[in-house]
């Protein structure tokens, strides 16, 4: 009878050791998750800020390019061959 009891105790100890290892792994994973969530929060805020700045830069850049293009086109209105077409383009852009 000592044989089966000994193997039962050994199996219980093995399972207890596995549960202990699993618990330690879970605790380490939770520590890492806290770090990951903190990092993701910072990264998300930085991504949002970068997106807003990129959008703002795109709008300002496009506005500047269009303003320069309109200024150049207005100077071309006096050119005989393309003046009429340029005048129509400038009027369309300014009306919208």
Protein backbone atom coordinates (compact mmCIF):
# COMPACT_ATOMS: atom_id res chain seq x y z
CA UNK A 1 0.00 0.00 0.00
CA UNK A 2 2.92 2.35 0.44
CA UNK A 3 3.67 2.16 -3.29
CA UNK A 4 0.41 3.72 -4.55
CA UNK A 5 0.41 6.31 -1.74
CA UNK A 6 3.95 7.35 -2.61
CA UNK A 7 3.15 7.71 -6.28
CA UNK A 8 0.02 9.70 -5.38
CA UNK A 9 2.06 12.06 -3.20
CA UNK A 10 4.66 12.39 -5.96
CA UNK A 11 1.98 13.23 -8.53
CA UNK A 12 0.43 15.79 -6.19
CA UNK A 13 3.84 17.41 -5.65
CA UNK A 14 4.46 17.47 -9.41
CA UNK A 15 1.11 19.13 -10.03
CA UNK A 16 1.76 21.61 -7.23
CA UNK A 17 5.13 22.45 -8.78
CA UNK A 18 3.51 22.94 -12.21
CA UNK A 19 0.83 25.18 -10.68
CA UNK A 20 3.55 27.20 -8.91
CA UNK A 21 5.43 27.63 -12.20
CA UNK A 22 2.21 28.64 -13.99
CA UNK A 23 1.45 31.15 -11.26
CA UNK A 24 4.93 32.67 -11.55
CA UNK A 25 4.57 32.89 -15.34
CA UNK A 26 1.17 34.54 -14.96
CA UNK A 27 2.55 37.11 -12.53
CA UNK A 28 5.41 37.92 -14.91
CA UNK A 29 2.97 38.20 -17.80
CA UNK A 30 0.79 40.59 -15.80
CA UNK A 31 3.83 42.73 -15.01
CA UNK A 32 4.69 42.80 -18.71
CA UNK A 33 1.10 43.62 -19.64
CA UNK A 34 1.19 46.67 -17.37
CA UNK A 35 4.36 47.82 -19.14
CA UNK A 36 2.86 47.12 -22.55
CA UNK A 37 -0.34 49.00 -21.73
CA UNK A 38 1.64 51.95 -20.42
CA UNK A 39 3.83 51.93 -23.53
CA UNK A 40 0.79 51.61 -25.82
CA UNK A 41 -0.91 54.54 -24.09
CA UNK A 42 2.10 56.75 -24.73
CA UNK A 43 2.45 55.43 -28.26
CA UNK A 44 -1.23 56.03 -28.96
CA UNK A 45 -1.01 59.61 -27.76
CA UNK A 46 2.09 60.20 -29.83
CA UNK A 47 0.42 58.65 -32.88
CA UNK A 48 -2.64 60.86 -32.44
CA UNK A 49 -0.46 63.96 -32.10
CA UNK A 50 1.59 62.99 -35.14
CA UNK A 51 -1.58 62.40 -37.15
CA UNK A 52 -3.00 65.81 -36.22
CA UNK A 53 0.27 67.53 -37.07
CA UNK A 54 0.55 65.69 -40.38
CA UNK A 55 -3.00 66.69 -41.32
CA UNK A 56 -2.36 70.30 -40.34
CA UNK A 57 0.88 70.35 -42.32
CA UNK A 58 -0.85 68.90 -45.36
CA UNK A 59 -3.62 71.51 -45.27
CA UNK A 60 -1.20 74.40 -44.78
CA UNK A 61 1.13 73.10 -47.48
CA UNK A 62 -1.70 72.64 -49.99
CA UNK A 63 -3.00 76.12 -49.22
CA UNK A 64 0.42 77.63 -49.78
CA UNK A 65 0.96 75.74 -53.04
CA UNK A 66 -2.48 76.74 -54.36
CA UNK A 67 -1.91 80.38 -53.40
CA UNK A 68 1.40 80.42 -55.26
CA UNK A 69 -0.18 78.65 -58.25
CA UNK A 70 -3.03 81.17 -58.39
CA UNK A 71 -0.55 84.07 -58.16
CA UNK A 72 1.44 82.61 -61.07
CA UNK A 73 -1.73 81.97 -63.11
CA UNK A 74 -2.92 85.55 -62.54
CA UNK A 75 0.35 86.75 -64.03
CA UNK A 76 -0.27 84.52 -67.07
CA UNK A 77 -3.66 86.07 -67.80
CA UNK A 78 -1.93 88.71 -69.89
CA UNK A 79 -0.28 86.08 -72.15
CA UNK A 80 -2.27 86.12 -75.44
CA UNK A 81 -2.64 82.40 -76.23
CA UNK A 82 -3.35 80.95 -72.79
CA UNK A 83 -4.71 84.05 -71.08
CA UNK A 84 -8.38 83.17 -71.61
CA UNK A 85 -7.95 79.63 -70.27
CA UNK A 86 -5.96 80.80 -67.26
CA UNK A 87 -8.59 83.47 -66.55
CA UNK A 88 -11.32 80.79 -66.49
CA UNK A 89 -9.25 78.59 -64.16
CA UNK A 90 -8.57 81.48 -61.78
CA UNK A 91 -12.25 82.41 -61.70
CA UNK A 92 -13.30 78.81 -61.00
CA UNK A 93 -10.78 78.46 -58.18
CA UNK A 94 -11.68 81.81 -56.62
CA UNK A 95 -15.43 81.14 -56.78
CA UNK A 96 -15.10 77.80 -54.99
